[in-house]
Amino acid sequence: MTEAQIKLKRTESLLLELIPEAIGSLNDKRLHELNIIDIKCSRGRSDAKVYIDPASFSAQEKSDFLKLLKKARPIIETFCMKDQGWFRSPTLTFEFDEQLKKVQNIEELFKKIAKE
């Protein structure tokens, strides 16, 4: 693992701790029920995708959460900057992680195949 990859992983793990803390400090109680699953930073660490657990939210609820997070993004980025003493924070993009649902569907298909 190169030094750049180590720095990237370190930044991702720091953000994985800081972002839920920042969301928890917001006044909007609706955002407190979100769970952050993973964070992937770009190579230069200027952008980061934040993956959220879709749980059992409807499409409308997901849309509402994404709008709220888009409005709260500058506050969350400022929180991360101040906490770590960074000059700038990665630009955050929030998405619901649909990979879990895909994996579950594939596992169900394998179970059906195994029965036959």
PDB file of N, CA and C in Angstrom:
ATOM      1  N   MET A   1       0.850  -1.169   0.000  1.00  0.00           N
ATOM      2  CA  MET A   1       0.000   0.000   0.000  1.00  0.00           C
ATOM      3  C   MET A   1       0.902   1.240   0.000  1.00  0.00           C
ATOM      4  N   THR A   2       0.630   2.139  -0.917  1.00  0.00           N
ATOM      5  CA  THR A   2       1.458   3.343  -1.028  1.00  0.00           C
ATOM      6  C   THR A   2       1.066   4.373   0.032  1.00  0.00           C
ATOM      7  N   GLU A   3       1.898   5.367   0.176  1.00  0.00           N
ATOM      8  CA  GLU A   3       1.636   6.419   1.157  1.00  0.00           C
ATOM      9  C   GLU A   3       0.354   7.187   0.821  1.00  0.00           C
ATOM     10  N   ALA A   4       0.123   7.418  -0.478  1.00  0.00           N
ATOM     11  CA  ALA A   4      -1.087   8.129  -0.901  1.00  0.00           C
ATOM     12  C   ALA A   4      -2.343   7.324  -0.542  1.00  0.00           C
ATOM     13  N   GLN A   5      -2.284   6.003  -0.714  1.00  0.00           N
ATOM     14  CA  GLN A   5      -3.426   5.159  -0.375  1.00  0.00           C
ATOM     15  C   GLN A   5      -3.678   5.148   1.128  1.00  0.00           C
ATOM     16  N   ILE A   6      -2.595   5.182   1.909  1.00  0.00           N
ATOM     17  CA  ILE A   6      -2.731   5.220   3.367  1.00  0.00           C
ATOM     18  C   ILE A   6      -3.393   6.524   3.798  1.00  0.00           C
ATOM     19  N   LYS A   7      -2.984   7.641   3.205  1.00  0.00           N
ATOM     20  CA  LYS A   7      -3.592   8.935   3.534  1.00  0.00           C
ATOM     21  C   LYS A   7      -5.064   8.949   3.156  1.00  0.00           C
ATOM     22  N   LEU A   8      -5.383   8.359   2.018  1.00  0.00           N
ATOM     23  CA  LEU A   8      -6.766   8.295   1.555  1.00  0.00           C
ATOM     24  C   LEU A   8      -7.629   7.494   2.538  1.00  0.00           C
ATOM     25  N   LYS A   9      -7.138   6.331   2.953  1.00  0.00           N
ATOM     26  CA  LYS A   9      -7.871   5.496   3.905  1.00  0.00           C
ATOM     27  C   LYS A   9      -8.009   6.193   5.256  1.00  0.00           C
ATOM     28  N   ARG A  10      -6.977   6.920   5.671  1.00  0.00           N
ATOM     29  CA  ARG A  10      -7.029   7.645   6.930  1.00  0.00           C
ATOM     30  C   ARG A  10      -8.101   8.734   6.877  1.00  0.00           C
ATOM     31  N   THR A  11      -8.145   9.455   5.761  1.00  0.00           N
ATOM     32  CA  THR A  11      -9.157  10.497   5.589  1.00  0.00           C
ATOM     33  C   THR A  11     -10.558   9.889   5.605  1.00  0.00           C
ATOM     34  N   GLU A  12     -10.738   8.768   4.914  1.00  0.00           N
ATOM     35  CA  GLU A  12     -12.047   8.113   4.881  1.00  0.00           C
ATOM     36  C   GLU A  12     -12.481   7.677   6.276  1.00  0.00           C
ATOM     37  N   SER A  13     -11.557   7.112   7.043  1.00  0.00           N
ATOM     38  CA  SER A  13     -11.928   6.652   8.384  1.00  0.00           C
ATOM     39  C   SER A  13     -12.226   7.833   9.314  1.00  0.00           C
ATOM     40  N   LEU A  14     -11.488   8.933   9.166  1.00  0.00           N
ATOM     41  CA  LEU A  14     -11.779  10.132   9.962  1.00  0.00           C
ATOM     42  C   LEU A  14     -13.163  10.674   9.633  1.00  0.00           C
ATOM     43  N   LEU A  15     -13.476  10.745   8.350  1.00  0.00           N
ATOM     44  CA  LEU A  15     -14.789  11.243   7.936  1.00  0.00           C
ATOM     45  C   LEU A  15     -15.908  10.322   8.406  1.00  0.00           C
ATOM     46  N   LEU A  16     -15.626   9.008   8.438  1.00  0.00           N
ATOM     47  CA  LEU A  16     -16.627   8.045   8.900  1.00  0.00           C
ATOM     48  C   LEU A  16     -16.966   8.266  10.374  1.00  0.00           C
ATOM     49  N   GLU A  17     -16.039   8.807  11.137  1.00  0.00           N
ATOM     50  CA  GLU A  17     -16.300   9.140  12.539  1.00  0.00           C
ATOM     51  C   GLU A  17     -16.913  10.535  12.676  1.00  0.00           C
ATOM     52  N   LEU A  18     -16.435  11.482  11.884  1.00  0.00           N
ATOM     53  CA  LEU A  18     -16.845  12.877  12.040  1.00  0.00           C
ATOM     54  C   LEU A  18     -18.244  13.181  11.508  1.00  0.00           C
ATOM     55  N   ILE A  19     -18.599  12.606  10.375  1.00  0.00           N
ATOM     56  CA  ILE A  19     -19.872  12.951   9.738  1.00  0.00           C
ATOM     57  C   ILE A  19     -21.078  12.557  10.602  1.00  0.00           C
ATOM     58  N   PRO A  20     -21.127  11.342  11.178  1.00  0.00           N
ATOM     59  CA  PRO A  20     -22.267  11.060  12.070  1.00  0.00           C
ATOM     60  C   PRO A  20     -22.314  11.997  13.283  1.00  0.00           C
ATOM     61  N   GLU A  21     -21.145  12.366  13.785  1.00  0.00           N
ATOM     62  CA  GLU A  21     -21.087  13.317  14.900  1.00  0.00           C
ATOM     63  C   GLU A  21     -21.629  14.682  14.472  1.00  0.00           C
ATOM     64  N   ALA A  22     -21.263  15.107  13.261  1.00  0.00           N
ATOM     65  CA  ALA A  22     -21.737  16.395  12.742  1.00  0.00           C
ATOM     66  C   ALA A  22     -23.242  16.362  12.503  1.00  0.00           C
ATOM     67  N   ILE A  23     -23.735  15.269  11.956  1.00  0.00           N
ATOM     68  CA  ILE A  23     -25.176  15.133  11.715  1.00  0.00           C
ATOM     69  C   ILE A  23     -25.928  15.113  13.046  1.00  0.00           C
ATOM     70  N   GLY A  24     -25.338  14.475  14.050  1.00  0.00           N
ATOM     71  CA  GLY A  24     -25.964  14.427  15.366  1.00  0.00           C
ATOM     72  C   GLY A  24     -26.034  15.789  16.044  1.00  0.00           C
ATOM     73  N   SER A  25     -25.134  16.693  15.668  1.00  0.00           N
ATOM     74  CA  SER A  25     -25.138  18.022  16.283  1.00  0.00           C
ATOM     75  C   SER A  25     -26.119  18.980  15.612  1.00  0.00           C
ATOM     76  N   LEU A  26     -26.712  18.560  14.489  1.00  0.00           N
ATOM     77  CA  LEU A  26     -27.687  19.404  13.796  1.00  0.00           C
ATOM     78  C   LEU A  26     -29.007  19.432  14.570  1.00  0.00           C
ATOM     79  N   ASN A  27     -29.765  20.498  14.382  1.00  0.00           N
ATOM     80  CA  ASN A  27     -31.035  20.655  15.093  1.00  0.00           C
ATOM     81  C   ASN A  27     -32.157  19.794  14.518  1.00  0.00           C
ATOM     82  N   ASP A  28     -32.031  19.370  13.273  1.00  0.00           N
ATOM     83  CA  ASP A  28     -33.084  18.594  12.622  1.00  0.00           C
ATOM     84  C   ASP A  28     -33.035  17.142  13.108  1.00  0.00           C
ATOM     85  N   LYS A  29     -34.012  16.743  13.889  1.00  0.00           N
ATOM     86  CA  LYS A  29     -34.038  15.403  14.488  1.00  0.00           C
ATOM     87  C   LYS A  29     -34.234  14.301  13.451  1.00  0.00           C
ATOM     88  N   ARG A  30     -34.807  14.634  12.302  1.00  0.00           N
ATOM     89  CA  ARG A  30     -35.033  13.623  11.273  1.00  0.00           C
ATOM     90  C   ARG A  30     -33.716  13.042  10.767  1.00  0.00           C
ATOM     91  N   LEU A  31     -32.685  13.866  10.702  1.00  0.00           N
ATOM     92  CA  LEU A  31     -31.398  13.409  10.199  1.00  0.00           C
ATOM     93  C   LEU A  31     -30.666  12.503  11.185  1.00  0.00           C
ATOM     94  N   HIS A  32     -31.057  12.531  12.441  1.00  0.00           N
ATOM     95  CA  HIS A  32     -30.377  11.737  13.463  1.00  0.00           C
ATOM     96  C   HIS A  32     -30.592  10.245  13.268  1.00  0.00           C
ATOM     97  N   GLU A  33     -31.635   9.852  12.541  1.00  0.00           N
ATOM     98  CA  GLU A  33     -31.918   8.431  12.360  1.00  0.00           C
ATOM     99  C   GLU A  33     -31.149   7.808  11.189  1.00  0.00           C
ATOM    100  N   LEU A  34     -30.348   8.592  10.475  1.00  0.00           N
ATOM    101  CA  LEU A  34     -29.573   8.076   9.352  1.00  0.00           C
ATOM    102  C   LEU A  34     -28.311   7.382   9.840  1.00  0.00           C
ATOM    103  N   ASN A  35     -27.964   6.279   9.182  1.00  0.00           N
ATOM    104  CA  ASN A  35     -26.735   5.553   9.488  1.00  0.00           C
ATOM    105  C   ASN A  35     -25.779   5.645   8.306  1.00  0.00           C
ATOM    106  N   ILE A  36     -24.565   6.089   8.579  1.00  0.00           N
ATOM    107  CA  ILE A  36     -23.547   6.177   7.534  1.00  0.00           C
ATOM    108  C   ILE A  36     -22.879   4.811   7.422  1.00  0.00           C
ATOM    109  N   ILE A  37     -22.874   4.236   6.216  1.00  0.00           N
ATOM    110  CA  ILE A  37     -22.292   2.912   6.003  1.00  0.00           C
ATOM    111  C   ILE A  37     -20.833   3.014   5.595  1.00  0.00           C
ATOM    112  N   ASP A  38     -20.558   3.869   4.625  1.00  0.00           N
ATOM    113  CA  ASP A  38     -19.207   3.921   4.065  1.00  0.00           C
ATOM    114  C   ASP A  38     -18.953   5.293   3.470  1.00  0.00           C
ATOM    115  N   ILE A  39     -17.668   5.591   3.284  1.00  0.00           N
ATOM    116  CA  ILE A  39     -17.251   6.834   2.650  1.00  0.00           C
ATOM    117  C   ILE A  39     -16.136   6.502   1.679  1.00  0.00           C
ATOM    118  N   LYS A  40     -16.243   7.020   0.475  1.00  0.00           N
ATOM    119  CA  LYS A  40     -15.206   6.833  -0.538  1.00  0.00           C
ATOM    120  C   LYS A  40     -14.732   8.201  -1.009  1.00  0.00           C
ATOM    121  N   CYS A  41     -13.447   8.471  -0.794  1.00  0.00           N
ATOM    122  CA  CYS A  41     -12.852   9.739  -1.217  1.00  0.00           C
ATOM    123  C   CYS A  41     -12.254   9.586  -2.609  1.00  0.00           C
ATOM    124  N   SER A  42     -12.211  10.685  -3.326  1.00  0.00           N
ATOM    125  CA  SER A  42     -11.543  10.686  -4.619  1.00  0.00           C
ATOM    126  C   SER A  42     -10.038  10.609  -4.388  1.00  0.00           C
ATOM    127  N   ARG A  43      -9.304  10.383  -5.437  1.00  0.00           N
ATOM    128  CA  ARG A  43      -7.858  10.195  -5.320  1.00  0.00           C
ATOM    129  C   ARG A  43      -7.173  11.394  -4.674  1.00  0.00           C
ATOM    130  N   GLY A  44      -7.597  12.586  -5.012  1.00  0.00           N
ATOM    131  CA  GLY A  44      -6.986  13.794  -4.459  1.00  0.00           C
ATOM    132  C   GLY A  44      -7.618  14.249  -3.154  1.00  0.00           C
ATOM    133  N   ARG A  45      -8.582  13.505  -2.668  1.00  0.00           N
ATOM    134  CA  ARG A  45      -9.302  13.792  -1.429  1.00  0.00           C
ATOM    135  C   ARG A  45     -10.045  15.121  -1.472  1.00  0.00           C
ATOM    136  N   SER A  46     -10.410  15.560  -2.673  1.00  0.00           N
ATOM    137  CA  SER A  46     -11.166  16.809  -2.785  1.00  0.00           C
ATOM    138  C   SER A  46     -12.674  16.555  -2.761  1.00  0.00           C
ATOM    139  N   ASP A  47     -13.074  15.328  -3.082  1.00  0.00           N
ATOM    140  CA  ASP A  47     -14.483  14.943  -3.076  1.00  0.00           C
ATOM    141  C   ASP A  47     -14.644  13.649  -2.290  1.00  0.00           C
ATOM    142  N   ALA A  48     -15.803  13.499  -1.676  1.00  0.00           N
ATOM    143  CA  ALA A  48     -16.097  12.270  -0.932  1.00  0.00           C
ATOM    144  C   ALA A  48     -17.565  11.917  -1.092  1.00  0.00           C
ATOM    145  N   LYS A  49     -17.825  10.639  -1.385  1.00  0.00           N
ATOM    146  CA  LYS A  49     -19.199  10.142  -1.445  1.00  0.00           C
ATOM    147  C   LYS A  49     -19.505   9.473  -0.119  1.00  0.00           C
ATOM    148  N   VAL A  50     -20.619   9.888   0.455  1.00  0.00           N
ATOM    149  CA  VAL A  50     -21.060   9.349   1.742  1.00  0.00           C
ATOM    150  C   VAL A  50     -22.241   8.430   1.463  1.00  0.00           C
ATOM    151  N   TYR A  51     -22.076   7.147   1.816  1.00  0.00           N
ATOM    152  CA  TYR A  51     -23.123   6.162   1.567  1.00  0.00           C
ATOM    153  C   TYR A  51     -23.947   5.962   2.835  1.00  0.00           C
ATOM    154  N   ILE A  52     -25.258   6.061   2.672  1.00  0.00           N
ATOM    155  CA  ILE A  52     -26.199   5.995   3.786  1.00  0.00           C
ATOM    156  C   ILE A  52     -26.993   4.702   3.682  1.00  0.00           C
ATOM    157  N   ASP A  53     -27.286   4.098   4.836  1.00  0.00           N
ATOM    158  CA  ASP A  53     -28.089   2.884   4.893  1.00  0.00           C
ATOM    159  C   ASP A  53     -29.525   3.222   4.495  1.00  0.00           C
ATOM    160  N   PRO A  54     -30.059   2.590   3.440  1.00  0.00           N
ATOM    161  CA  PRO A  54     -31.420   2.920   3.004  1.00  0.00           C
ATOM    162  C   PRO A  54     -32.497   2.418   3.957  1.00  0.00           C
ATOM    163  N   ALA A  55     -32.147   1.451   4.824  1.00  0.00           N
ATOM    164  CA  ALA A  55     -33.072   0.874   5.813  1.00  0.00           C
ATOM    165  C   ALA A  55     -34.409   0.583   5.144  1.00  0.00           C
ATOM    166  N   SER A  56     -35.474   1.094   5.696  1.00  0.00           N
ATOM    167  CA  SER A  56     -36.801   0.831   5.122  1.00  0.00           C
ATOM    168  C   SER A  56     -37.478   2.137   4.734  1.00  0.00           C
ATOM    169  N   PHE A  57     -36.687   3.064   4.241  1.00  0.00           N
ATOM    170  CA  PHE A  57     -37.232   4.352   3.838  1.00  0.00           C
ATOM    171  C   PHE A  57     -37.897   4.237   2.472  1.00  0.00           C
ATOM    172  N   SER A  58     -38.985   4.969   2.294  1.00  0.00           N
ATOM    173  CA  SER A  58     -39.658   5.009   0.997  1.00  0.00           C
ATOM    174  C   SER A  58     -38.871   5.929   0.060  1.00  0.00           C
ATOM    175  N   ALA A  59     -39.235   5.914  -1.192  1.00  0.00           N
ATOM    176  CA  ALA A  59     -38.552   6.759  -2.174  1.00  0.00           C
ATOM    177  C   ALA A  59     -38.719   8.238  -1.830  1.00  0.00           C
ATOM    178  N   GLN A  60     -39.895   8.616  -1.352  1.00  0.00           N
ATOM    179  CA  GLN A  60     -40.154  10.010  -0.976  1.00  0.00           C
ATOM    180  C   GLN A  60     -39.297  10.408   0.219  1.00  0.00           C
ATOM    181  N   GLU A  61     -39.191   9.528   1.206  1.00  0.00           N
ATOM    182  CA  GLU A  61     -38.369   9.822   2.382  1.00  0.00           C
ATOM    183  C   GLU A  61     -36.899   9.968   2.003  1.00  0.00           C
ATOM    184  N   LYS A  62     -36.435   9.094   1.120  1.00  0.00           N
ATOM    185  CA  LYS A  62     -35.043   9.182   0.661  1.00  0.00           C
ATOM    186  C   LYS A  62     -34.787  10.519  -0.020  1.00  0.00           C
ATOM    187  N   SER A  63     -35.715  10.929  -0.858  1.00  0.00           N
ATOM    188  CA  SER A  63     -35.593  12.207  -1.552  1.00  0.00           C
ATOM    189  C   SER A  63     -35.550  13.370  -0.559  1.00  0.00           C
ATOM    190  N   ASP A  64     -36.414  13.305   0.451  1.00  0.00           N
ATOM    191  CA  ASP A  64     -36.443  14.355   1.481  1.00  0.00           C
ATOM    192  C   ASP A  64     -35.133  14.406   2.257  1.00  0.00           C
ATOM    193  N   PHE A  65     -34.613  13.221   2.620  1.00  0.00           N
ATOM    194  CA  PHE A  65     -33.344  13.172   3.350  1.00  0.00           C
ATOM    195  C   PHE A  65     -32.204  13.757   2.525  1.00  0.00           C
ATOM    196  N   LEU A  66     -32.176  13.427   1.238  1.00  0.00           N
ATOM    197  CA  LEU A  66     -31.104  13.945   0.381  1.00  0.00           C
ATOM    198  C   LEU A  66     -31.178  15.461   0.254  1.00  0.00           C
ATOM    199  N   LYS A  67     -32.403  16.010   0.195  1.00  0.00           N
ATOM    200  CA  LYS A  67     -32.559  17.465   0.139  1.00  0.00           C
ATOM    201  C   LYS A  67     -32.065  18.111   1.432  1.00  0.00           C
ATOM    202  N   LEU A  68     -32.423  17.514   2.569  1.00  0.00           N
ATOM    203  CA  LEU A  68     -31.977  18.044   3.858  1.00  0.00           C
ATOM    204  C   LEU A  68     -30.454  17.990   3.985  1.00  0.00           C
ATOM    205  N   LEU A  69     -29.874  16.875   3.539  1.00  0.00           N
ATOM    206  CA  LEU A  69     -28.416  16.731   3.621  1.00  0.00           C
ATOM    207  C   LEU A  69     -27.699  17.693   2.684  1.00  0.00           C
ATOM    208  N   LYS A  70     -28.305  17.963   1.543  1.00  0.00           N
ATOM    209  CA  LYS A  70     -27.709  18.916   0.612  1.00  0.00           C
ATOM    210  C   LYS A  70     -27.666  20.309   1.238  1.00  0.00           C
ATOM    211  N   LYS A  71     -28.721  20.663   1.965  1.00  0.00           N
ATOM    212  CA  LYS A  71     -28.741  21.960   2.645  1.00  0.00           C
ATOM    213  C   LYS A  71     -27.756  22.002   3.813  1.00  0.00           C
ATOM    214  N   ALA A  72     -27.577  20.867   4.491  1.00  0.00           N
ATOM    215  CA  ALA A  72     -26.709  20.805   5.673  1.00  0.00           C
ATOM    216  C   ALA A  72     -25.245  20.549   5.313  1.00  0.00           C
ATOM    217  N   ARG A  73     -24.950  20.273   4.056  1.00  0.00           N
ATOM    218  CA  ARG A  73     -23.588  19.929   3.628  1.00  0.00           C
ATOM    219  C   ARG A  73     -22.537  20.950   4.060  1.00  0.00           C
ATOM    220  N   PRO A  74     -22.749  22.261   3.851  1.00  0.00           N
ATOM    221  CA  PRO A  74     -21.707  23.218   4.279  1.00  0.00           C
ATOM    222  C   PRO A  74     -21.454  23.186   5.787  1.00  0.00           C
ATOM    223  N   ILE A  75     -22.489  22.955   6.568  1.00  0.00           N
ATOM    224  CA  ILE A  75     -22.330  22.895   8.022  1.00  0.00           C
ATOM    225  C   ILE A  75     -21.517  21.661   8.408  1.00  0.00           C
ATOM    226  N   ILE A  76     -21.795  20.539   7.766  1.00  0.00           N
ATOM    227  CA  ILE A  76     -21.079  19.294   8.055  1.00  0.00           C
ATOM    228  C   ILE A  76     -19.614  19.424   7.647  1.00  0.00           C
ATOM    229  N   GLU A  77     -19.369  20.016   6.472  1.00  0.00           N
ATOM    230  CA  GLU A  77     -17.986  20.209   6.016  1.00  0.00           C
ATOM    231  C   GLU A  77     -17.213  21.132   6.958  1.00  0.00           C
ATOM    232  N   THR A  78     -17.852  22.199   7.418  1.00  0.00           N
ATOM    233  CA  THR A  78     -17.211  23.127   8.355  1.00  0.00           C
ATOM    234  C   THR A  78     -16.899  22.432   9.669  1.00  0.00           C
ATOM    235  N   PHE A  79     -17.805  21.587  10.134  1.00  0.00           N
ATOM    236  CA  PHE A  79     -17.586  20.832  11.362  1.00  0.00           C
ATOM    237  C   PHE A  79     -16.338  19.961  11.228  1.00  0.00           C
ATOM    238  N   CYS A  80     -16.219  19.254  10.097  1.00  0.00           N
ATOM    239  CA  CYS A  80     -15.056  18.380   9.871  1.00  0.00           C
ATOM    240  C   CYS A  80     -13.767  19.192   9.800  1.00  0.00           C
ATOM    241  N   MET A  81     -13.807  20.336   9.122  1.00  0.00           N
ATOM    242  CA  MET A  81     -12.614  21.187   9.003  1.00  0.00           C
ATOM    243  C   MET A  81     -12.143  21.670  10.363  1.00  0.00           C
ATOM    244  N   LYS A  82     -13.069  22.186  11.136  1.00  0.00           N
ATOM    245  CA  LYS A  82     -12.704  22.751  12.438  1.00  0.00           C
ATOM    246  C   LYS A  82     -12.223  21.670  13.398  1.00  0.00           C
ATOM    247  N   ASP A  83     -12.854  20.510  13.370  1.00  0.00           N
ATOM    248  CA  ASP A  83     -12.479  19.445  14.286  1.00  0.00           C
ATOM    249  C   ASP A  83     -11.071  18.924  14.012  1.00  0.00           C
ATOM    250  N   GLN A  84     -10.709  18.815  12.740  1.00  0.00           N
ATOM    251  CA  GLN A  84      -9.406  18.263  12.381  1.00  0.00           C
ATOM    252  C   GLN A  84      -8.352  19.323  12.109  1.00  0.00           C
ATOM    253  N   GLY A  85      -8.760  20.597  12.033  1.00  0.00           N
ATOM    254  CA  GLY A  85      -7.802  21.659  11.737  1.00  0.00           C
ATOM    255  C   GLY A  85      -7.353  21.662  10.287  1.00  0.00           C
ATOM    256  N   TRP A  86      -8.220  21.145   9.420  1.00  0.00           N
ATOM    257  CA  TRP A  86      -7.903  21.099   7.994  1.00  0.00           C
ATOM    258  C   TRP A  86      -8.062  22.481   7.378  1.00  0.00           C
ATOM    259  N   PHE A  87      -7.313  22.719   6.297  1.00  0.00           N
ATOM    260  CA  PHE A  87      -7.446  23.956   5.538  1.00  0.00           C
ATOM    261  C   PHE A  87      -8.750  23.942   4.743  1.00  0.00           C
ATOM    262  N   ARG A  88      -9.097  22.772   4.201  1.00  0.00           N
ATOM    263  CA  ARG A  88     -10.362  22.604   3.493  1.00  0.00           C
ATOM    264  C   ARG A  88     -10.849  21.176   3.689  1.00  0.00           C
ATOM    265  N   SER A  89     -12.118  21.011   3.522  1.00  0.00           N
ATOM    266  CA  SER A  89     -12.744  19.707   3.691  1.00  0.00           C
ATOM    267  C   SER A  89     -13.125  19.157   2.317  1.00  0.00           C
ATOM    268  N   PRO A  90     -13.161  17.839   2.178  1.00  0.00           N
ATOM    269  CA  PRO A  90     -13.663  17.292   0.910  1.00  0.00           C
ATOM    270  C   PRO A  90     -15.108  17.714   0.676  1.00  0.00           C
ATOM    271  N   THR A  91     -15.465  17.922  -0.572  1.00  0.00           N
ATOM    272  CA  THR A  91     -16.847  18.236  -0.926  1.00  0.00           C
ATOM    273  C   THR A  91     -17.659  16.947  -0.796  1.00  0.00           C
ATOM    274  N   LEU A  92     -18.656  16.978   0.046  1.00  0.00           N
ATOM    275  CA  LEU A  92     -19.424  15.774   0.347  1.00  0.00           C
ATOM    276  C   LEU A  92     -20.606  15.617  -0.597  1.00  0.00           C
ATOM    277  N   THR A  93     -20.831  14.379  -1.017  1.00  0.00           N
ATOM    278  CA  THR A  93     -21.984  14.008  -1.817  1.00  0.00           C
ATOM    279  C   THR A  93     -22.659  12.849  -1.095  1.00  0.00           C
ATOM    280  N   PHE A  94     -23.951  12.958  -0.863  1.00  0.00           N
ATOM    281  CA  PHE A  94     -24.675  11.936  -0.117  1.00  0.00           C
ATOM    282  C   PHE A  94     -25.487  11.065  -1.059  1.00  0.00           C
ATOM    283  N   GLU A  95     -25.421   9.740  -0.830  1.00  0.00           N
ATOM    284  CA  GLU A  95     -26.168   8.777  -1.629  1.00  0.00           C
ATOM    285  C   GLU A  95     -26.652   7.654  -0.722  1.00  0.00           C
ATOM    286  N   PHE A  96     -27.792   7.070  -1.080  1.00  0.00           N
ATOM    287  CA  PHE A  96     -28.233   5.876  -0.378  1.00  0.00           C
ATOM    288  C   PHE A  96     -27.567   4.678  -1.029  1.00  0.00           C
ATOM    289  N   ASP A  97     -27.045   3.768  -0.217  1.00  0.00           N
ATOM    290  CA  ASP A  97     -26.309   2.608  -0.704  1.00  0.00           C
ATOM    291  C   ASP A  97     -27.289   1.503  -1.069  1.00  0.00           C
ATOM    292  N   GLU A  98     -27.434   1.272  -2.338  1.00  0.00           N
ATOM    293  CA  GLU A  98     -28.363   0.244  -2.816  1.00  0.00           C
ATOM    294  C   GLU A  98     -27.666  -1.097  -3.022  1.00  0.00           C
ATOM    295  N   GLN A  99     -26.381  -1.182  -2.736  1.00  0.00           N
ATOM    296  CA  GLN A  99     -25.638  -2.426  -2.923  1.00  0.00           C
ATOM    297  C   GLN A  99     -26.155  -3.537  -2.016  1.00  0.00           C
ATOM    298  N   LEU A 100     -26.552  -3.186  -0.795  1.00  0.00           N
ATOM    299  CA  LEU A 100     -27.054  -4.200   0.131  1.00  0.00           C
ATOM    300  C   LEU A 100     -28.293  -4.884  -0.425  1.00  0.00           C
ATOM    301  N   LYS A 101     -29.175  -4.092  -1.014  1.00  0.00           N
ATOM    302  CA  LYS A 101     -30.400  -4.659  -1.590  1.00  0.00           C
ATOM    303  C   LYS A 101     -30.048  -5.591  -2.759  1.00  0.00           C
ATOM    304  N   LYS A 102     -29.091  -5.198  -3.579  1.00  0.00           N
ATOM    305  CA  LYS A 102     -28.672  -6.035  -4.709  1.00  0.00           C
ATOM    306  C   LYS A 102     -28.064  -7.343  -4.226  1.00  0.00           C
ATOM    307  N   VAL A 103     -27.240  -7.271  -3.187  1.00  0.00           N
ATOM    308  CA  VAL A 103     -26.614  -8.476  -2.636  1.00  0.00           C
ATOM    309  C   VAL A 103     -27.675  -9.416  -2.075  1.00  0.00           C
ATOM    310  N   GLN A 104     -28.667  -8.873  -1.395  1.00  0.00           N
ATOM    311  CA  GLN A 104     -29.733  -9.704  -0.844  1.00  0.00           C
ATOM    312  C   GLN A 104     -30.518 -10.382  -1.952  1.00  0.00           C
ATOM    313  N   ASN A 105     -30.775  -9.660  -3.036  1.00  0.00           N
ATOM    314  CA  ASN A 105     -31.501 -10.258  -4.167  1.00  0.00           C
ATOM    315  C   ASN A 105     -30.693 -11.387  -4.796  1.00  0.00           C
ATOM    316  N   ILE A 106     -29.397 -11.200  -4.919  1.00  0.00           N
ATOM    317  CA  ILE A 106     -28.538 -12.239  -5.499  1.00  0.00           C
ATOM    318  C   ILE A 106     -28.505 -13.458  -4.589  1.00  0.00           C
ATOM    319  N   GLU A 107     -28.435 -13.241  -3.277  1.00  0.00           N
ATOM    320  CA  GLU A 107     -28.435 -14.359  -2.327  1.00  0.00           C
ATOM    321  C   GLU A 107     -29.743 -15.134  -2.403  1.00  0.00           C
ATOM    322  N   GLU A 108     -30.862 -14.429  -2.553  1.00  0.00           N
ATOM    323  CA  GLU A 108     -32.151 -15.097  -2.688  1.00  0.00           C
ATOM    324  C   GLU A 108     -32.193 -15.947  -3.952  1.00  0.00           C
ATOM    325  N   LEU A 109     -31.627 -15.431  -5.041  1.00  0.00           N
ATOM    326  CA  LEU A 109     -31.577 -16.199  -6.287  1.00  0.00           C
ATOM    327  C   LEU A 109     -30.734 -17.460  -6.115  1.00  0.00           C
ATOM    328  N   PHE A 110     -29.612 -17.350  -5.424  1.00  0.00           N
ATOM    329  CA  PHE A 110     -28.770 -18.523  -5.185  1.00  0.00           C
ATOM    330  C   PHE A 110     -29.491 -19.557  -4.320  1.00  0.00           C
ATOM    331  N   LYS A 111     -30.280 -19.101  -3.370  1.00  0.00           N
ATOM    332  CA  LYS A 111     -31.037 -20.025  -2.525  1.00  0.00           C
ATOM    333  C   LYS A 111     -32.087 -20.767  -3.361  1.00  0.00           C
ATOM    334  N   LYS A 112     -32.751 -20.036  -4.271  1.00  0.00           N
ATOM    335  CA  LYS A 112     -33.737 -20.678  -5.145  1.00  0.00           C
ATOM    336  C   LYS A 112     -33.082 -21.703  -6.051  1.00  0.00           C
ATOM    337  N   ILE A 113     -31.919 -21.377  -6.549  1.00  0.00           N
ATOM    338  CA  ILE A 113     -31.186 -22.306  -7.431  1.00  0.00           C
ATOM    339  C   ILE A 113     -30.766 -23.540  -6.643  1.00  0.00           C
ATOM    340  N   ALA A 114     -30.330 -23.336  -5.407  1.00  0.00           N
ATOM    341  CA  ALA A 114     -29.893 -24.457  -4.576  1.00  0.00           C
ATOM    342  C   ALA A 114     -31.059 -25.408  -4.277  1.00  0.00           C
ATOM    343  N   LYS A 115     -32.269 -24.882  -4.119  1.00  0.00           N
ATOM    344  CA  LYS A 115     -33.441 -25.712  -3.851  1.00  0.00           C
ATOM    345  C   LYS A 115     -33.786 -26.583  -5.050  1.00  0.00           C
ATOM    346  N   GLU A 116     -33.554 -26.042  -6.242  1.00  0.00           N
ATOM    347  CA  GLU A 116     -33.899 -26.784  -7.460  1.00  0.00           C
ATOM    348  C   GLU A 116     -32.831 -27.751  -7.762  1.00  0.00           C
TER     349      GLU A 116
END
